[in-house]
Amino acid sequence: MAERRIAVFGAGYIGLVTGACLAELGHHVAVRDINPERVRILRAGDVPIHEPGLGDMIARNKERLTFTEDLTKAVSGAEIAYVCVDTPPSASGDADLSRVWSVVRSLADARDLKAVVMKSTVPVGTGTRARALLDEIGQADVGYVSNPEFTAEGRAIQDFMAPDRIVIGQDNDTAGALVAALHTGINAPVATMDVKSAEMVKLASNALLATKISFANEIATLCENTGANVTEVLGAVGMDHRLGAHFLRPGIGWGGSCFPKDSEALRQMASNTGFHPQLLTAVINVNNIQKRRAVQHLKDELGDLAGKRIALLGMAFKPDTDDMREAPSTVLASRLLAEGAHVRSWDPLARPAAGEPWDSTTRYPTPQQALAGADAAVIVTEWSELAEVDWTEAHSAMRTPVMFDGRNLLDPARLREIGFRYTSVGRP
């Protein structure tokens, strides 16, 4: 395998995982970020995000992996530049590509560059504009490649090093082959296509996964209304090889950095072409409703929530991450506060942003402390620690033993035997 010199722009979640994994594959990687504090933390050997195995991988490859704010140092000798900056929704609902264009323009003097690789999630057609911009800044000989990421938080290293597929969208065969060769040592099929198709693959994949979750939540509601058991129903549905069991799990709603943003981006992109994607719109609406159904479950058990103490067990949008982006817990906390409830919370890793609703809640270091004196508990994130809680002790410590299990984590029969007024998602 030929070792390459690579510049990665963005030391956020995708940039750090991409840089560390490329270094693990034997390449020399410079990760550039404009946030001096983030660069300082990384140089000191710490990792500013939680991702299992990432810190160890960065430490293991410290001879091949550097972090810098300096643009000149980042691109010096670099043959490939990866764009891994964020693309948040703009006021219009379209993706804000300002950081992407800033990175591409900054490559005007990168004289060793052979390819620019777009890892950021971008709308279809971004590659055409990027190609024109590269030509404009004097980099007409530099190839452009779309190489979307399919990394799930909590297992990003595994997803990069052992993926289901590597998607390469290329504007010329040479650039595509160069980027494909960077992955030498990874045993996965390479799907090579045009740039616009590769851009669509990422959005379509996340939209379909989101569809499965929203479908599972709709079936769960039907099960609640009819007395069927969603665990049994979807377990049998998932045995069908045409469908599969992955993501057929009901819950309190999906969140995170990908599904909400990518689903909305795809819907907005469709709207911009004059097409109304009815299925995708329904998928998004089902998810928005699902996040609020927990509040109705609590009202059914407690009546007026004003003055009630509600413990939210889990804050991050999924376990094994500290990510709070689009987390269902934020919607729940906001709705409960609006109802006049006192909100308490627990999570081992979550890093909520300053401001509402979290400034008006109380966070506890253990689930037991959050539950003490509570009128109700909601399991929001399926942390393994919650399966190990002494629920008999928790029952005694709560003021009213009401439990809504938003992730179907616990055994209904056991919780009811203890004495909980227990409900879950789609299970009688």
Protein backbone atom coordinates (compact mmCIF):
# COMPACT_ATOMS: atom_id res chain seq x y z
CA MET A 1 0.00 0.00 0.00
CA ALA A 2 1.33 3.44 -0.94
CA GLU A 3 1.39 5.80 2.02
CA ARG A 4 -0.24 9.14 1.23
CA ARG A 5 -0.15 12.56 2.86
CA ILE A 6 -3.66 13.69 3.68
CA ALA A 7 -5.17 16.91 5.02
CA VAL A 8 -8.45 16.61 6.90
CA PHE A 9 -10.42 19.82 7.37
CA GLY A 10 -12.55 19.77 10.50
CA ALA A 11 -11.72 18.17 13.85
CA GLY A 12 -15.33 17.44 14.68
CA TYR A 13 -16.91 14.02 14.93
CA ILE A 14 -16.44 12.93 11.30
CA GLY A 15 -13.10 14.66 10.85
CA LEU A 16 -11.51 13.02 13.89
CA VAL A 17 -12.81 9.56 13.03
CA THR A 18 -11.74 9.92 9.38
CA GLY A 19 -8.29 11.24 10.29
CA ALA A 20 -7.62 8.61 12.95
CA CYS A 21 -8.76 5.72 10.73
CA LEU A 22 -6.73 6.92 7.74
CA ALA A 23 -3.67 7.12 10.01
CA GLU A 24 -4.47 3.61 11.26
CA LEU A 25 -4.36 2.49 7.61
CA GLY A 26 -0.80 3.84 7.37
CA HIS A 27 -1.24 7.33 5.93
CA HIS A 28 0.20 10.59 7.26
CA VAL A 29 -2.67 12.82 8.26
CA ALA A 30 -2.81 16.48 9.28
CA VAL A 31 -6.16 17.47 10.83
CA ARG A 32 -6.86 21.19 10.62
CA ASP A 33 -9.45 23.03 12.69
CA ILE A 34 -10.02 26.75 13.19
CA ASN A 35 -10.94 26.26 16.85
CA PRO A 36 -7.70 26.79 18.81
CA GLU A 37 -9.04 25.21 22.01
CA ARG A 38 -10.03 22.04 20.17
CA VAL A 39 -6.56 21.83 18.60
CA ARG A 40 -4.94 22.39 22.00
CA ILE A 41 -6.97 19.57 23.55
CA LEU A 42 -6.05 17.16 20.76
CA ARG A 43 -2.36 18.06 20.91
CA ALA A 44 -2.44 17.39 24.65
CA GLY A 45 -3.60 13.84 23.91
CA ASP A 46 -7.22 14.30 24.92
CA VAL A 47 -10.30 13.81 22.73
CA PRO A 48 -13.07 16.44 22.87
CA ILE A 49 -15.83 13.98 21.94
CA HIS A 50 -16.80 10.59 23.29
CA GLU A 51 -16.40 7.74 20.83
CA PRO A 52 -15.31 4.26 21.96
CA GLY A 53 -11.81 3.43 20.76
CA LEU A 54 -11.08 6.82 19.21
CA GLY A 55 -8.71 8.05 21.90
CA ASP A 56 -6.69 4.84 21.79
CA MET A 57 -6.49 4.98 17.98
CA ILE A 58 -5.27 8.58 18.02
CA ALA A 59 -2.62 7.74 20.64
CA ARG A 60 -1.53 4.65 18.71
CA ASN A 61 -0.96 6.68 15.55
CA LYS A 62 0.53 9.84 17.04
CA GLU A 63 3.58 9.58 14.76
CA ARG A 64 1.36 9.79 11.67
CA LEU A 65 -1.36 12.10 12.99
CA THR A 66 -0.97 15.82 13.67
CA PHE A 67 -3.38 18.60 14.63
CA THR A 68 -3.02 22.21 13.56
CA GLU A 69 -4.76 25.54 13.07
CA ASP A 70 -2.24 26.48 10.39
CA LEU A 71 -3.55 26.10 6.85
CA THR A 72 -0.08 26.08 5.29
CA LYS A 73 1.10 23.27 7.57
CA ALA A 74 -2.04 21.25 6.90
CA VAL A 75 -1.75 21.29 3.11
CA SER A 76 2.05 21.13 2.89
CA GLY A 77 2.77 18.04 0.80
CA ALA A 78 -0.86 16.88 1.03
CA GLU A 79 -2.04 14.87 -1.99
CA ILE A 80 -5.63 14.49 -0.80
CA ALA A 81 -7.80 16.96 1.13
CA TYR A 82 -10.87 15.69 3.00
CA VAL A 83 -13.67 18.16 3.70
CA CYS A 84 -15.26 17.14 7.04
CA VAL A 85 -16.89 20.37 8.20
CA ASP A 86 -20.48 20.65 9.41
CA THR A 87 -23.34 21.68 7.13
CA PRO A 88 -26.12 22.85 9.48
CA PRO A 89 -29.57 23.85 8.24
CA SER A 90 -29.85 27.49 7.16
CA ALA A 91 -32.81 29.77 7.88
CA SER A 92 -34.47 28.52 4.67
CA GLY A 93 -34.04 24.86 5.63
CA ASP A 94 -31.32 24.28 3.04
CA ALA A 95 -27.88 23.10 4.11
CA ASP A 96 -25.50 25.91 5.02
CA LEU A 97 -22.43 25.20 2.88
CA SER A 98 -20.45 28.29 3.86
CA ARG A 99 -17.82 26.22 5.70
CA VAL A 100 -17.50 23.85 2.74
CA TRP A 101 -16.83 26.72 0.31
CA SER A 102 -14.37 28.28 2.76
CA VAL A 103 -12.34 25.05 2.81
CA VAL A 104 -12.37 24.62 -0.96
CA ARG A 105 -11.26 28.23 -1.54
CA SER A 106 -8.43 27.78 0.97
CA LEU A 107 -6.90 25.08 -1.27
CA ALA A 108 -5.82 27.52 -3.99
CA ASP A 109 -2.13 27.25 -3.07
CA ALA A 110 -2.05 23.51 -2.28
CA ARG A 111 0.37 22.60 -5.08
CA ASP A 112 0.72 18.85 -4.33
CA LEU A 113 -3.02 18.24 -4.31
CA LYS A 114 -4.42 15.46 -6.50
CA ALA A 115 -7.97 15.11 -5.11
CA VAL A 116 -10.50 16.87 -2.91
CA VAL A 117 -12.80 14.46 -1.08
CA MET A 118 -16.19 15.55 0.25
CA LYS A 119 -16.98 13.68 3.47
CA SER A 120 -19.46 16.27 4.76
CA THR A 121 -23.12 15.53 4.07
CA VAL A 122 -24.15 17.90 1.28
CA PRO A 123 -27.10 18.38 -1.08
CA VAL A 124 -27.08 16.74 -4.48
CA GLY A 125 -25.37 19.11 -6.89
CA THR A 126 -22.74 20.35 -4.43
CA GLY A 127 -20.05 18.51 -6.38
CA THR A 128 -20.85 20.46 -9.53
CA ARG A 129 -20.39 23.74 -7.69
CA ALA A 130 -17.23 22.47 -5.98
CA ARG A 131 -15.79 21.42 -9.32
CA ALA A 132 -16.43 24.90 -10.74
CA LEU A 133 -14.85 26.51 -7.68
CA LEU A 134 -11.73 24.33 -7.95
CA ASP A 135 -11.39 25.38 -11.59
CA GLU A 136 -11.86 29.02 -10.59
CA ILE A 137 -9.06 28.96 -7.98
CA GLY A 138 -6.59 27.36 -10.39
CA GLN A 139 -7.01 23.72 -9.34
CA ALA A 140 -8.50 22.39 -12.59
CA ASP A 141 -6.16 19.38 -12.49
CA VAL A 142 -7.33 18.35 -9.03
CA GLY A 143 -9.98 15.61 -9.04
CA TYR A 144 -13.18 15.83 -7.01
CA VAL A 145 -14.62 12.83 -5.16
CA SER A 146 -17.75 12.37 -3.08
CA ASN A 147 -17.06 9.78 -0.36
CA PRO A 148 -20.06 9.93 2.03
CA GLU A 149 -19.72 8.60 5.56
CA PHE A 150 -22.02 5.99 7.09
CA THR A 151 -20.67 6.02 10.63
CA ALA A 152 -23.04 5.62 13.56
CA GLU A 153 -22.04 7.26 16.81
CA GLY A 154 -20.92 4.75 19.38
CA ARG A 155 -19.51 2.42 16.70
CA ALA A 156 -17.87 4.85 14.27
CA ILE A 157 -14.46 3.17 14.28
CA GLN A 158 -16.01 -0.18 13.42
CA ASP A 159 -18.17 1.41 10.73
CA PHE A 160 -15.13 3.02 9.07
CA MET A 161 -12.80 0.03 9.32
CA ALA A 162 -15.40 -2.66 8.53
CA PRO A 163 -18.12 -0.92 6.49
CA ASP A 164 -20.93 -2.48 4.48
CA ARG A 165 -19.64 -0.57 1.44
CA ILE A 166 -17.35 2.26 0.39
CA VAL A 167 -19.10 4.73 -1.90
CA ILE A 168 -16.94 6.62 -4.39
CA GLY A 169 -18.52 9.33 -6.52
CA GLN A 170 -15.91 10.56 -8.98
CA ASP A 171 -15.53 13.20 -11.65
CA ASN A 172 -12.64 11.25 -13.17
CA ASP A 173 -11.38 7.69 -12.87
CA THR A 174 -7.92 8.67 -11.61
CA ALA A 175 -9.20 10.60 -8.60
CA GLY A 176 -11.72 7.87 -7.78
CA ALA A 177 -9.07 5.16 -7.92
CA LEU A 178 -6.76 7.22 -5.69
CA VAL A 179 -9.39 7.61 -2.98
CA ALA A 180 -10.43 3.95 -3.23
CA ALA A 181 -6.78 2.95 -2.76
CA LEU A 182 -6.62 4.91 0.51
CA HIS A 183 -8.89 2.22 1.94
CA THR A 184 -6.53 -0.63 1.13
CA GLY A 185 -6.70 -3.06 4.04
CA ILE A 186 -10.44 -2.64 4.49
CA ASN A 187 -12.44 -5.64 3.31
CA ALA A 188 -15.55 -4.07 1.81
CA PRO A 189 -17.08 -3.68 -1.64
CA VAL A 190 -16.42 -0.38 -3.41
CA ALA A 191 -19.44 1.16 -5.14
CA THR A 192 -18.16 3.56 -7.81
CA MET A 193 -20.57 6.00 -9.45
CA ASP A 194 -20.99 9.62 -10.54
CA VAL A 195 -20.77 12.38 -7.96
CA LYS A 196 -24.49 13.26 -7.85
CA SER A 197 -25.46 9.64 -7.26
CA ALA A 198 -22.97 9.33 -4.40
CA GLU A 199 -24.37 12.48 -2.82
CA MET A 200 -27.87 11.02 -3.04
CA VAL A 201 -26.81 7.66 -1.53
CA LYS A 202 -26.09 9.23 1.87
CA LEU A 203 -29.37 11.13 2.06
CA ALA A 204 -31.41 8.19 0.76
CA SER A 205 -29.79 5.71 3.18
CA ASN A 206 -30.55 7.82 6.24
CA ALA A 207 -34.06 8.57 5.01
CA LEU A 208 -34.79 4.84 4.62
CA LEU A 209 -33.42 4.04 8.08
CA ALA A 210 -35.51 6.84 9.54
CA THR A 211 -38.52 5.44 7.67
CA LYS A 212 -38.07 2.05 9.33
CA ILE A 213 -37.98 3.62 12.78
CA SER A 214 -41.04 5.78 12.15
CA PHE A 215 -42.83 2.76 10.70
CA ALA A 216 -42.00 0.78 13.85
CA ASN A 217 -43.38 3.62 15.99
CA GLU A 218 -46.62 3.74 14.00
CA ILE A 219 -47.04 -0.02 14.44
CA ALA A 220 -46.30 0.38 18.15
CA THR A 221 -49.14 2.89 18.46
CA LEU A 222 -51.48 0.51 16.65
CA CYS A 223 -50.38 -2.26 19.02
CA GLU A 224 -51.20 -0.07 22.01
CA ASN A 225 -54.65 0.62 20.56
CA THR A 226 -55.41 -3.02 19.80
CA GLY A 227 -53.66 -4.91 22.60
CA ALA A 228 -51.02 -6.50 20.38
CA ASN A 229 -47.39 -6.71 21.53
CA VAL A 230 -45.05 -4.73 19.29
CA THR A 231 -42.01 -6.74 20.38
CA GLU A 232 -43.60 -9.95 19.13
CA VAL A 233 -45.02 -8.29 16.01
CA LEU A 234 -41.86 -6.61 14.79
CA GLY A 235 -39.71 -9.54 15.88
CA ALA A 236 -41.62 -11.75 13.46
CA VAL A 237 -41.71 -9.06 10.75
CA GLY A 238 -37.94 -8.71 10.99
CA MET A 239 -37.45 -12.43 10.30
CA ASP A 240 -38.54 -11.81 6.71
CA HIS A 241 -35.29 -11.73 4.71
CA ARG A 242 -36.79 -9.10 2.43
CA LEU A 243 -37.19 -6.72 5.36
CA GLY A 244 -34.64 -7.52 8.06
CA ALA A 245 -34.78 -6.68 11.77
CA HIS A 246 -32.42 -3.70 11.74
CA PHE A 247 -34.05 -0.43 12.87
CA LEU A 248 -37.46 -2.09 13.33
CA ARG A 249 -37.46 -0.98 16.96
CA PRO A 250 -40.02 1.43 18.34
CA GLY A 251 -39.01 4.05 20.85
CA ILE A 252 -39.27 7.64 21.86
CA GLY A 253 -38.07 8.98 18.51
CA TRP A 254 -34.85 9.36 16.57
CA GLY A 255 -32.38 12.22 16.92
CA GLY A 256 -28.68 12.86 16.52
CA SER A 257 -26.63 14.64 13.91
CA CYS A 258 -27.74 12.66 10.84
CA PHE A 259 -31.35 11.49 10.66
CA PRO A 260 -33.09 14.80 11.50
CA LYS A 261 -30.75 16.97 9.44
CA ASP A 262 -30.50 14.62 6.45
CA SER A 263 -34.23 13.88 6.33
CA GLU A 264 -35.08 17.57 6.43
CA ALA A 265 -32.36 18.34 3.87
CA LEU A 266 -33.74 15.73 1.49
CA ARG A 267 -37.27 17.06 1.95
CA GLN A 268 -36.09 20.64 1.36
CA MET A 269 -34.10 19.60 -1.71
CA ALA A 270 -37.16 17.85 -3.12
CA SER A 271 -39.29 20.92 -2.43
CA ASN A 272 -36.76 23.08 -4.27
CA THR A 273 -37.31 20.93 -7.37
CA GLY A 274 -41.09 21.28 -7.11
CA PHE A 275 -41.65 17.76 -5.73
CA HIS A 276 -43.51 17.08 -2.48
CA PRO A 277 -42.13 13.87 -0.91
CA GLN A 278 -45.24 12.65 0.92
CA LEU A 279 -43.69 9.52 2.44
CA LEU A 280 -40.64 11.36 3.76
CA THR A 281 -42.83 14.14 5.16
CA ALA A 282 -44.93 11.55 6.98
CA VAL A 283 -41.78 9.88 8.37
CA ILE A 284 -40.60 13.19 9.82
CA ASN A 285 -44.04 14.01 11.23
CA VAL A 286 -44.37 10.59 12.91
CA ASN A 287 -41.01 11.13 14.60
CA ASN A 288 -41.93 14.61 15.82
CA ILE A 289 -45.17 13.29 17.30
CA GLN A 290 -43.42 10.31 18.91
CA LYS A 291 -41.19 12.54 21.02
CA ARG A 292 -44.28 14.12 22.57
CA ARG A 293 -46.28 10.96 23.21
CA ALA A 294 -44.35 10.31 26.41
CA VAL A 295 -45.89 13.44 27.92
CA GLN A 296 -49.38 12.11 27.20
CA HIS A 297 -48.49 8.77 28.82
CA LEU A 298 -47.48 10.68 31.96
CA LYS A 299 -50.68 12.72 31.91
CA ASP A 300 -52.72 9.53 31.63
CA GLU A 301 -51.08 8.28 34.83
CA LEU A 302 -50.64 11.48 36.84
CA GLY A 303 -53.22 13.92 35.47
CA ASP A 304 -52.05 17.53 35.66
CA LEU A 305 -48.23 17.57 35.56
CA ALA A 306 -47.85 20.97 37.26
CA GLY A 307 -45.60 20.58 40.28
CA LYS A 308 -44.81 16.92 39.51
CA ARG A 309 -41.20 15.74 39.66
CA ILE A 310 -40.26 13.86 36.47
CA ALA A 311 -36.96 12.02 36.13
CA LEU A 312 -35.57 11.69 32.60
CA LEU A 313 -33.22 8.71 32.56
CA GLY A 314 -30.88 9.35 29.66
CA MET A 315 -30.27 12.58 27.78
CA ALA A 316 -28.00 11.74 24.82
CA PHE A 317 -29.87 10.75 21.68
CA LYS A 318 -28.44 7.20 21.91
CA PRO A 319 -26.18 5.25 24.29
CA ASP A 320 -22.37 5.26 24.08
CA THR A 321 -22.23 8.88 22.93
CA ASP A 322 -22.32 12.29 24.57
CA ASP A 323 -24.13 13.83 21.59
CA MET A 324 -27.21 15.90 22.38
CA ARG A 325 -27.98 17.07 18.84
CA GLU A 326 -31.73 16.73 18.17
CA ALA A 327 -32.01 14.48 21.25
CA PRO A 328 -35.61 13.52 22.13
CA SER A 329 -34.77 14.37 25.74
CA THR A 330 -34.56 18.06 24.85
CA VAL A 331 -38.09 18.04 23.42
CA LEU A 332 -39.34 16.08 26.44
CA ALA A 333 -37.71 18.42 28.94
CA SER A 334 -39.13 21.47 27.14
CA ARG A 335 -42.65 20.03 27.03
CA LEU A 336 -42.57 18.97 30.68
CA LEU A 337 -41.36 22.38 31.80
CA ALA A 338 -44.15 23.96 29.75
CA GLU A 339 -46.61 21.76 31.67
CA GLY A 340 -45.22 23.10 34.94
CA ALA A 341 -43.32 19.95 35.94
CA HIS A 342 -40.00 19.91 37.79
CA VAL A 343 -37.54 18.08 35.54
CA ARG A 344 -34.60 16.11 36.85
CA SER A 345 -32.23 14.09 34.69
CA TRP A 346 -29.39 11.59 34.60
CA ASP A 347 -26.91 10.63 31.87
CA PRO A 348 -23.34 9.34 32.21
CA LEU A 349 -21.93 11.26 29.24
CA ALA A 350 -24.31 13.82 27.73
CA ARG A 351 -23.08 17.36 27.17
CA PRO A 352 -26.17 19.58 26.85
CA ALA A 353 -25.67 23.07 25.50
CA ALA A 354 -26.10 25.95 27.93
CA GLY A 355 -29.55 27.52 27.89
CA GLU A 356 -33.07 26.22 27.96
CA PRO A 357 -34.46 23.76 28.70
CA TRP A 358 -31.49 22.29 30.54
CA ASP A 359 -30.76 25.40 32.63
CA SER A 360 -34.18 24.86 34.24
CA THR A 361 -33.58 21.21 35.11
CA THR A 362 -31.53 19.43 37.76
CA ARG A 363 -28.99 16.81 36.73
CA TYR A 364 -28.01 14.02 39.12
CA PRO A 365 -24.87 11.84 39.09
CA THR A 366 -26.75 8.52 39.43
CA PRO A 367 -30.13 7.17 38.32
CA GLN A 368 -31.03 6.41 41.94
CA GLN A 369 -30.55 10.05 42.97
CA ALA A 370 -32.64 11.28 40.04
CA LEU A 371 -35.42 8.85 41.00
CA ALA A 372 -35.52 9.67 44.73
CA GLY A 373 -38.75 11.54 45.44
CA ALA A 374 -39.83 11.53 41.78
CA ASP A 375 -43.46 11.20 40.72
CA ALA A 376 -42.53 9.48 37.48
CA ALA A 377 -39.56 8.28 35.45
CA VAL A 378 -39.06 8.18 31.70
CA ILE A 379 -36.39 5.98 30.14
CA VAL A 380 -35.19 8.15 27.26
CA THR A 381 -31.86 6.51 26.34
CA GLU A 382 -31.20 2.77 26.55
CA TRP A 383 -28.05 2.99 28.69
CA SER A 384 -26.95 -0.44 29.93
CA GLU A 385 -26.62 1.02 33.43
CA LEU A 386 -30.40 1.30 33.64
CA ALA A 387 -30.83 -2.45 33.29
CA GLU A 388 -28.67 -2.83 36.40
CA VAL A 389 -30.61 -0.41 38.63
CA ASP A 390 -32.16 -1.94 41.75
CA TRP A 391 -35.73 -1.17 40.74
CA THR A 392 -37.16 -2.48 44.02
CA GLU A 393 -35.10 0.12 45.84
CA ALA A 394 -36.04 2.75 43.26
CA HIS A 395 -39.73 1.94 43.74
CA SER A 396 -39.42 2.60 47.45
CA ALA A 397 -37.53 5.86 46.87
CA MET A 398 -40.02 7.36 44.39
CA ARG A 399 -42.97 9.45 45.57
CA THR A 400 -45.22 7.88 42.91
CA PRO A 401 -43.93 4.72 41.15
CA VAL A 402 -44.89 5.65 37.58
CA MET A 403 -42.59 4.51 34.77
CA PHE A 404 -42.77 5.16 31.03
CA ASP A 405 -40.14 3.03 29.31
CA GLY A 406 -39.55 4.92 26.09
CA ARG A 407 -37.01 2.37 24.83
CA ASN A 408 -38.69 -0.90 25.89
CA LEU A 409 -35.56 -1.62 27.90
CA LEU A 410 -37.06 -3.29 30.96
CA ASP A 411 -39.23 -6.35 31.58
CA PRO A 412 -42.86 -5.17 32.01
CA ALA A 413 -43.87 -8.14 34.16
CA ARG A 414 -40.99 -7.64 36.58
CA LEU A 415 -41.58 -3.90 36.94
CA ARG A 416 -45.30 -4.40 37.57
CA GLU A 417 -44.57 -7.17 40.08
CA ILE A 418 -42.37 -4.71 41.98
CA GLY A 419 -45.32 -2.32 42.03
CA PHE A 420 -44.63 0.14 39.23
CA ARG A 421 -47.39 1.64 37.13
CA TYR A 422 -45.43 0.70 34.05
CA THR A 423 -46.10 1.52 30.38
CA SER A 424 -43.86 1.20 27.36
CA VAL A 425 -44.01 1.65 23.58
CA GLY A 426 -46.46 -0.72 21.93
CA ARG A 427 -46.38 -3.41 24.59
CA PRO A 428 -49.56 -4.31 26.54
